[in-house]
Every structure is written in C-alpha cells, then in structure tokens.
Amino acid sequence: ILGLDIVSAMASVAATLGNVGPGLGLVGPIQTYAFIPPLGKIVLTICMLLGRLEIYTVLILVVPEFWRK
C-alpha cells in the first residue's frame, strides 16, 4: 500500500513493535525511515507506542467494561 516491499514492511513493524532497533531490507542498519510516507510513519509510531505500553495496557484503556467496574 505504501510502496514498501514485504520484507521491509514486516521488518519495520517488528522493529517498532518490539523496540529492537533496525530492521531488514530498506530499513536495515545503514538506512533510515526517512523515505517512508507520513501515513506509514504514523502507523509505525502507533506500533512503537503499543510495544512500549504493552498491548494489554492499551486494551484496558479502550475496553469500556474495565471502566464500568
């Protein structure tokens, strides 16, 4: 969708979700994320926040049943 090959797309999501550093392909150790379009950077930023906060914390924040108790 955003013009990335499958290896670069999967590696960049895995790298941002796990906060593990550089990915593979176009976002490898000698490249940057500068070529990714703004929408892609927003998606990767959300993945990074989900990885930092842990997915359960985010689910608690958005599930209405948790706040009713």
PDB file of N, CA and C in Angstrom:
ATOM      1  N   ILE A   1       0.830  -1.196   0.000  1.00  0.00           N
ATOM      2  CA  ILE A   1       0.000   0.000   0.000  1.00  0.00           C
ATOM      3  C   ILE A   1       0.872   1.256   0.000  1.00  0.00           C
ATOM      4  N   LEU A   2       1.913   1.260   0.784  1.00  0.00           N
ATOM      5  CA  LEU A   2       2.750   2.449   0.909  1.00  0.00           C
ATOM      6  C   LEU A   2       4.029   2.365   0.097  1.00  0.00           C
ATOM      7  N   GLY A   3       4.140   1.387  -0.756  1.00  0.00           N
ATOM      8  CA  GLY A   3       5.287   1.289  -1.636  1.00  0.00           C
ATOM      9  C   GLY A   3       6.484   0.532  -1.079  1.00  0.00           C
ATOM     10  N   LEU A   4       6.314  -0.163   0.023  1.00  0.00           N
ATOM     11  CA  LEU A   4       7.409  -0.952   0.595  1.00  0.00           C
ATOM     12  C   LEU A   4       7.293  -2.402   0.151  1.00  0.00           C
ATOM     13  N   ASP A   5       8.441  -3.058   0.034  1.00  0.00           N
ATOM     14  CA  ASP A   5       8.390  -4.493  -0.226  1.00  0.00           C
ATOM     15  C   ASP A   5       8.011  -5.208   1.071  1.00  0.00           C
ATOM     16  N   ILE A   6       7.603  -6.451   0.971  1.00  0.00           N
ATOM     17  CA  ILE A   6       7.070  -7.178   2.122  1.00  0.00           C
ATOM     18  C   ILE A   6       8.105  -7.357   3.227  1.00  0.00           C
ATOM     19  N   VAL A   7       9.355  -7.574   2.881  1.00  0.00           N
ATOM     20  CA  VAL A   7      10.400  -7.758   3.899  1.00  0.00           C
ATOM     21  C   VAL A   7      10.610  -6.472   4.686  1.00  0.00           C
ATOM     22  N   SER A   8      10.687  -5.354   3.999  1.00  0.00           N
ATOM     23  CA  SER A   8      10.890  -4.075   4.679  1.00  0.00           C
ATOM     24  C   SER A   8       9.686  -3.707   5.535  1.00  0.00           C
ATOM     25  N   ALA A   9       8.482  -3.965   5.033  1.00  0.00           N
ATOM     26  CA  ALA A   9       7.274  -3.644   5.785  1.00  0.00           C
ATOM     27  C   ALA A   9       7.182  -4.480   7.059  1.00  0.00           C
ATOM     28  N   MET A  10       7.374  -5.787   6.933  1.00  0.00           N
ATOM     29  CA  MET A  10       7.287  -6.661   8.109  1.00  0.00           C
ATOM     30  C   MET A  10       8.409  -6.363   9.099  1.00  0.00           C
ATOM     31  N   ALA A  11       9.607  -6.107   8.597  1.00  0.00           N
ATOM     32  CA  ALA A  11      10.741  -5.841   9.475  1.00  0.00           C
ATOM     33  C   ALA A  11      10.587  -4.517  10.203  1.00  0.00           C
ATOM     34  N   SER A  12      10.055  -3.508   9.534  1.00  0.00           N
ATOM     35  CA  SER A  12       9.887  -2.224  10.209  1.00  0.00           C
ATOM     36  C   SER A  12       8.803  -2.294  11.274  1.00  0.00           C
ATOM     37  N   VAL A  13       7.724  -3.027  11.020  1.00  0.00           N
ATOM     38  CA  VAL A  13       6.690  -3.199  12.044  1.00  0.00           C
ATOM     39  C   VAL A  13       7.232  -4.005  13.219  1.00  0.00           C
ATOM     40  N   ALA A  14       7.968  -5.067  12.948  1.00  0.00           N
ATOM     41  CA  ALA A  14       8.544  -5.873  14.030  1.00  0.00           C
ATOM     42  C   ALA A  14       9.551  -5.067  14.842  1.00  0.00           C
ATOM     43  N   ALA A  15      10.348  -4.249  14.171  1.00  0.00           N
ATOM     44  CA  ALA A  15      11.352  -3.448  14.872  1.00  0.00           C
ATOM     45  C   ALA A  15      10.704  -2.389  15.754  1.00  0.00           C
ATOM     46  N   THR A  16       9.636  -1.760  15.274  1.00  0.00           N
ATOM     47  CA  THR A  16       8.994  -0.724  16.083  1.00  0.00           C
ATOM     48  C   THR A  16       8.108  -1.325  17.169  1.00  0.00           C
ATOM     49  N   LEU A  17       7.426  -2.414  16.875  1.00  0.00           N
ATOM     50  CA  LEU A  17       6.564  -3.041  17.876  1.00  0.00           C
ATOM     51  C   LEU A  17       7.383  -3.627  19.014  1.00  0.00           C
ATOM     52  N   GLY A  18       8.516  -4.217  18.687  1.00  0.00           N
ATOM     53  CA  GLY A  18       9.359  -4.814  19.708  1.00  0.00           C
ATOM     54  C   GLY A  18      10.432  -3.893  20.249  1.00  0.00           C
ATOM     55  N   ASN A  19      10.553  -2.689  19.668  1.00  0.00           N
ATOM     56  CA  ASN A  19      11.585  -1.733  20.080  1.00  0.00           C
ATOM     57  C   ASN A  19      12.959  -2.390  20.092  1.00  0.00           C
ATOM     58  N   VAL A  20      13.288  -3.053  18.982  1.00  0.00           N
ATOM     59  CA  VAL A  20      14.530  -3.819  18.921  1.00  0.00           C
ATOM     60  C   VAL A  20      15.589  -3.223  18.013  1.00  0.00           C
ATOM     61  N   GLY A  21      15.368  -2.049  17.477  1.00  0.00           N
ATOM     62  CA  GLY A  21      16.396  -1.432  16.652  1.00  0.00           C
ATOM     63  C   GLY A  21      16.131  -1.565  15.175  1.00  0.00           C
ATOM     64  N   PRO A  22      17.183  -1.645  14.369  1.00  0.00           N
ATOM     65  CA  PRO A  22      17.000  -1.639  12.917  1.00  0.00           C
ATOM     66  C   PRO A  22      16.332  -2.907  12.406  1.00  0.00           C
ATOM     67  N   GLY A  23      15.695  -2.765  11.266  1.00  0.00           N
ATOM     68  CA  GLY A  23      15.021  -3.899  10.660  1.00  0.00           C
ATOM     69  C   GLY A  23      15.835  -4.507   9.546  1.00  0.00           C
ATOM     70  N   LEU A  24      15.142  -5.049   8.566  1.00  0.00           N
ATOM     71  CA  LEU A  24      15.777  -5.684   7.410  1.00  0.00           C
ATOM     72  C   LEU A  24      15.355  -4.954   6.144  1.00  0.00           C
ATOM     73  N   GLY A  25      16.013  -5.231   5.079  1.00  0.00           N
ATOM     74  CA  GLY A  25      15.635  -4.645   3.796  1.00  0.00           C
ATOM     75  C   GLY A  25      15.935  -3.164   3.736  1.00  0.00           C
ATOM     76  N   LEU A  26      14.951  -2.390   3.317  1.00  0.00           N
ATOM     77  CA  LEU A  26      15.144  -0.949   3.140  1.00  0.00           C
ATOM     78  C   LEU A  26      15.316  -0.195   4.450  1.00  0.00           C
ATOM     79  N   VAL A  27      14.909  -0.770   5.563  1.00  0.00           N
ATOM     80  CA  VAL A  27      15.061  -0.111   6.867  1.00  0.00           C
ATOM     81  C   VAL A  27      16.118  -0.826   7.701  1.00  0.00           C
ATOM     82  N   GLY A  28      17.141  -1.293   7.048  1.00  0.00           N
ATOM     83  CA  GLY A  28      18.225  -2.021   7.706  1.00  0.00           C
ATOM     84  C   GLY A  28      19.150  -1.110   8.484  1.00  0.00           C
ATOM     85  N   PRO A  29      20.267  -1.636   8.944  1.00  0.00           N
ATOM     86  CA  PRO A  29      21.177  -0.892   9.811  1.00  0.00           C
ATOM     87  C   PRO A  29      21.845   0.313   9.156  1.00  0.00           C
ATOM     88  N   ILE A  30      21.921   0.354   7.825  1.00  0.00           N
ATOM     89  CA  ILE A  30      22.574   1.505   7.193  1.00  0.00           C
ATOM     90  C   ILE A  30      21.571   2.440   6.523  1.00  0.00           C
ATOM     91  N   GLN A  31      20.305   2.218   6.697  1.00  0.00           N
ATOM     92  CA  GLN A  31      19.258   3.066   6.123  1.00  0.00           C
ATOM     93  C   GLN A  31      18.460   3.727   7.240  1.00  0.00           C
ATOM     94  N   THR A  32      17.563   4.627   6.877  1.00  0.00           N
ATOM     95  CA  THR A  32      16.706   5.297   7.850  1.00  0.00           C
ATOM     96  C   THR A  32      15.245   5.104   7.455  1.00  0.00           C
ATOM     97  N   TYR A  33      14.372   5.622   8.272  1.00  0.00           N
ATOM     98  CA  TYR A  33      12.945   5.584   7.990  1.00  0.00           C
ATOM     99  C   TYR A  33      12.500   6.837   7.239  1.00  0.00           C
ATOM    100  N   ALA A  34      13.425   7.645   6.759  1.00  0.00           N
ATOM    101  CA  ALA A  34      13.102   8.927   6.133  1.00  0.00           C
ATOM    102  C   ALA A  34      12.283   8.775   4.855  1.00  0.00           C
ATOM    103  N   PHE A  35      12.432   7.688   4.134  1.00  0.00           N
ATOM    104  CA  PHE A  35      11.737   7.521   2.859  1.00  0.00           C
ATOM    105  C   PHE A  35      10.301   7.043   3.023  1.00  0.00           C
ATOM    106  N   ILE A  36       9.913   6.658   4.227  1.00  0.00           N
ATOM    107  CA  ILE A  36       8.558   6.154   4.461  1.00  0.00           C
ATOM    108  C   ILE A  36       7.588   7.337   4.452  1.00  0.00           C
ATOM    109  N   PRO A  37       6.452   7.212   3.765  1.00  0.00           N
ATOM    110  CA  PRO A  37       5.478   8.306   3.710  1.00  0.00           C
ATOM    111  C   PRO A  37       4.902   8.622   5.090  1.00  0.00           C
ATOM    112  N   PRO A  38       4.317   9.815   5.261  1.00  0.00           N
ATOM    113  CA  PRO A  38       3.780  10.219   6.569  1.00  0.00           C
ATOM    114  C   PRO A  38       2.781   9.231   7.171  1.00  0.00           C
ATOM    115  N   LEU A  39       1.895   8.660   6.360  1.00  0.00           N
ATOM    116  CA  LEU A  39       0.934   7.686   6.885  1.00  0.00           C
ATOM    117  C   LEU A  39       1.653   6.464   7.443  1.00  0.00           C
ATOM    118  N   GLY A  40       2.686   6.027   6.773  1.00  0.00           N
ATOM    119  CA  GLY A  40       3.476   4.897   7.264  1.00  0.00           C
ATOM    120  C   GLY A  40       4.176   5.217   8.572  1.00  0.00           C
ATOM    121  N   LYS A  41       4.652   6.442   8.709  1.00  0.00           N
ATOM    122  CA  LYS A  41       5.305   6.845   9.959  1.00  0.00           C
ATOM    123  C   LYS A  41       4.308   6.895  11.109  1.00  0.00           C
ATOM    124  N   ILE A  42       3.078   7.288  10.815  1.00  0.00           N
ATOM    125  CA  ILE A  42       2.039   7.292  11.853  1.00  0.00           C
ATOM    126  C   ILE A  42       1.751   5.865  12.302  1.00  0.00           C
ATOM    127  N   VAL A  43       1.627   4.948  11.357  1.00  0.00           N
ATOM    128  CA  VAL A  43       1.387   3.536  11.693  1.00  0.00           C
ATOM    129  C   VAL A  43       2.542   2.983  12.518  1.00  0.00           C
ATOM    130  N   LEU A  44       3.770   3.284  12.123  1.00  0.00           N
ATOM    131  CA  LEU A  44       4.936   2.797  12.867  1.00  0.00           C
ATOM    132  C   LEU A  44       5.023   3.438  14.247  1.00  0.00           C
ATOM    133  N   THR A  45       4.603   4.691  14.376  1.00  0.00           N
ATOM    134  CA  THR A  45       4.583   5.347  15.685  1.00  0.00           C
ATOM    135  C   THR A  45       3.582   4.670  16.606  1.00  0.00           C
ATOM    136  N   ILE A  46       2.411   4.325  16.083  1.00  0.00           N
ATOM    137  CA  ILE A  46       1.409   3.613  16.882  1.00  0.00           C
ATOM    138  C   ILE A  46       1.936   2.243  17.289  1.00  0.00           C
ATOM    139  N   CYS A  47       2.616   1.558  16.377  1.00  0.00           N
ATOM    140  CA  CYS A  47       3.221   0.262  16.712  1.00  0.00           C
ATOM    141  C   CYS A  47       4.259   0.422  17.818  1.00  0.00           C
ATOM    142  N   MET A  48       5.047   1.483  17.757  1.00  0.00           N
ATOM    143  CA  MET A  48       6.062   1.711  18.776  1.00  0.00           C
ATOM    144  C   MET A  48       5.414   1.966  20.137  1.00  0.00           C
ATOM    145  N   LEU A  49       4.340   2.752  20.158  1.00  0.00           N
ATOM    146  CA  LEU A  49       3.646   3.007  21.420  1.00  0.00           C
ATOM    147  C   LEU A  49       3.010   1.736  21.969  1.00  0.00           C
ATOM    148  N   LEU A  50       2.420   0.917  21.089  1.00  0.00           N
ATOM    149  CA  LEU A  50       1.857  -0.361  21.533  1.00  0.00           C
ATOM    150  C   LEU A  50       2.938  -1.260  22.112  1.00  0.00           C
ATOM    151  N   GLY A  51       4.100  -1.250  21.516  1.00  0.00           N
ATOM    152  CA  GLY A  51       5.205  -2.058  22.027  1.00  0.00           C
ATOM    153  C   GLY A  51       5.723  -1.554  23.359  1.00  0.00           C
ATOM    154  N   ARG A  52       5.755  -0.248  23.530  1.00  0.00           N
ATOM    155  CA  ARG A  52       6.238   0.327  24.790  1.00  0.00           C
ATOM    156  C   ARG A  52       5.243   0.128  25.923  1.00  0.00           C
ATOM    157  N   LEU A  53       3.978   0.349  25.635  1.00  0.00           N
ATOM    158  CA  LEU A  53       2.958   0.282  26.680  1.00  0.00           C
ATOM    159  C   LEU A  53       2.474  -1.134  26.953  1.00  0.00           C
ATOM    160  N   GLU A  54       2.854  -2.065  26.119  1.00  0.00           N
ATOM    161  CA  GLU A  54       2.343  -3.433  26.147  1.00  0.00           C
ATOM    162  C   GLU A  54       0.892  -3.419  25.671  1.00  0.00           C
ATOM    163  N   ILE A  55       0.529  -4.408  24.950  1.00  0.00           N
ATOM    164  CA  ILE A  55      -0.777  -4.432  24.309  1.00  0.00           C
ATOM    165  C   ILE A  55      -1.907  -4.548  25.333  1.00  0.00           C
ATOM    166  N   TYR A  56      -1.655  -5.190  26.475  1.00  0.00           N
ATOM    167  CA  TYR A  56      -2.704  -5.324  27.487  1.00  0.00           C
ATOM    168  C   TYR A  56      -3.062  -3.983  28.102  1.00  0.00           C
ATOM    169  N   THR A  57      -2.099  -3.128  28.311  1.00  0.00           N
ATOM    170  CA  THR A  57      -2.375  -1.796  28.843  1.00  0.00           C
ATOM    171  C   THR A  57      -3.243  -1.008  27.877  1.00  0.00           C
ATOM    172  N   VAL A  58      -2.946  -1.083  26.610  1.00  0.00           N
ATOM    173  CA  VAL A  58      -3.743  -0.373  25.611  1.00  0.00           C
ATOM    174  C   VAL A  58      -5.150  -0.954  25.550  1.00  0.00           C
ATOM    175  N   LEU A  59      -5.283  -2.263  25.627  1.00  0.00           N
ATOM    176  CA  LEU A  59      -6.614  -2.872  25.619  1.00  0.00           C
ATOM    177  C   LEU A  59      -7.430  -2.435  26.823  1.00  0.00           C
ATOM    178  N   ILE A  60      -6.807  -2.323  27.979  1.00  0.00           N
ATOM    179  CA  ILE A  60      -7.512  -1.856  29.174  1.00  0.00           C
ATOM    180  C   ILE A  60      -8.006  -0.430  28.973  1.00  0.00           C
ATOM    181  N   LEU A  61      -7.216   0.390  28.324  1.00  0.00           N
ATOM    182  CA  LEU A  61      -7.610   1.780  28.104  1.00  0.00           C
ATOM    183  C   LEU A  61      -8.796   1.916  27.163  1.00  0.00           C
ATOM    184  N   VAL A  62      -8.955   1.007  26.219  1.00  0.00           N
ATOM    185  CA  VAL A  62     -10.018   1.149  25.222  1.00  0.00           C
ATOM    186  C   VAL A  62     -11.223   0.245  25.462  1.00  0.00           C
ATOM    187  N   VAL A  63     -11.174  -0.654  26.442  1.00  0.00           N
ATOM    188  CA  VAL A  63     -12.306  -1.546  26.712  1.00  0.00           C
ATOM    189  C   VAL A  63     -13.233  -0.870  27.723  1.00  0.00           C
ATOM    190  N   PRO A  64     -14.477  -0.586  27.337  1.00  0.00           N
ATOM    191  CA  PRO A  64     -15.396   0.116  28.239  1.00  0.00           C
ATOM    192  C   PRO A  64     -15.762  -0.682  29.493  1.00  0.00           C
ATOM    193  N   GLU A  65     -15.769  -2.016  29.423  1.00  0.00           N
ATOM    194  CA  GLU A  65     -16.141  -2.820  30.591  1.00  0.00           C
ATOM    195  C   GLU A  65     -15.184  -2.602  31.756  1.00  0.00           C
ATOM    196  N   PHE A  66     -13.943  -2.317  31.478  1.00  0.00           N
ATOM    197  CA  PHE A  66     -12.965  -2.077  32.539  1.00  0.00           C
ATOM    198  C   PHE A  66     -13.327  -0.833  33.335  1.00  0.00           C
ATOM    199  N   TRP A  67     -13.824   0.187  32.689  1.00  0.00           N
ATOM    200  CA  TRP A  67     -14.109   1.459  33.355  1.00  0.00           C
ATOM    201  C   TRP A  67     -15.452   1.448  34.069  1.00  0.00           C
ATOM    202  N   ARG A  68     -16.320   0.487  33.787  1.00  0.00           N
ATOM    203  CA  ARG A  68     -17.631   0.417  34.437  1.00  0.00           C
ATOM    204  C   ARG A  68     -17.565  -0.188  35.826  1.00  0.00           C
ATOM    205  N   LYS A  69     -16.514  -0.955  36.110  1.00  0.00           N
ATOM    206  CA  LYS A  69     -16.422  -1.648  37.402  1.00  0.00           C
ATOM    207  C   LYS A  69     -16.010  -0.712  38.503  1.00  0.00           C
TER     208      LYS A  69
END
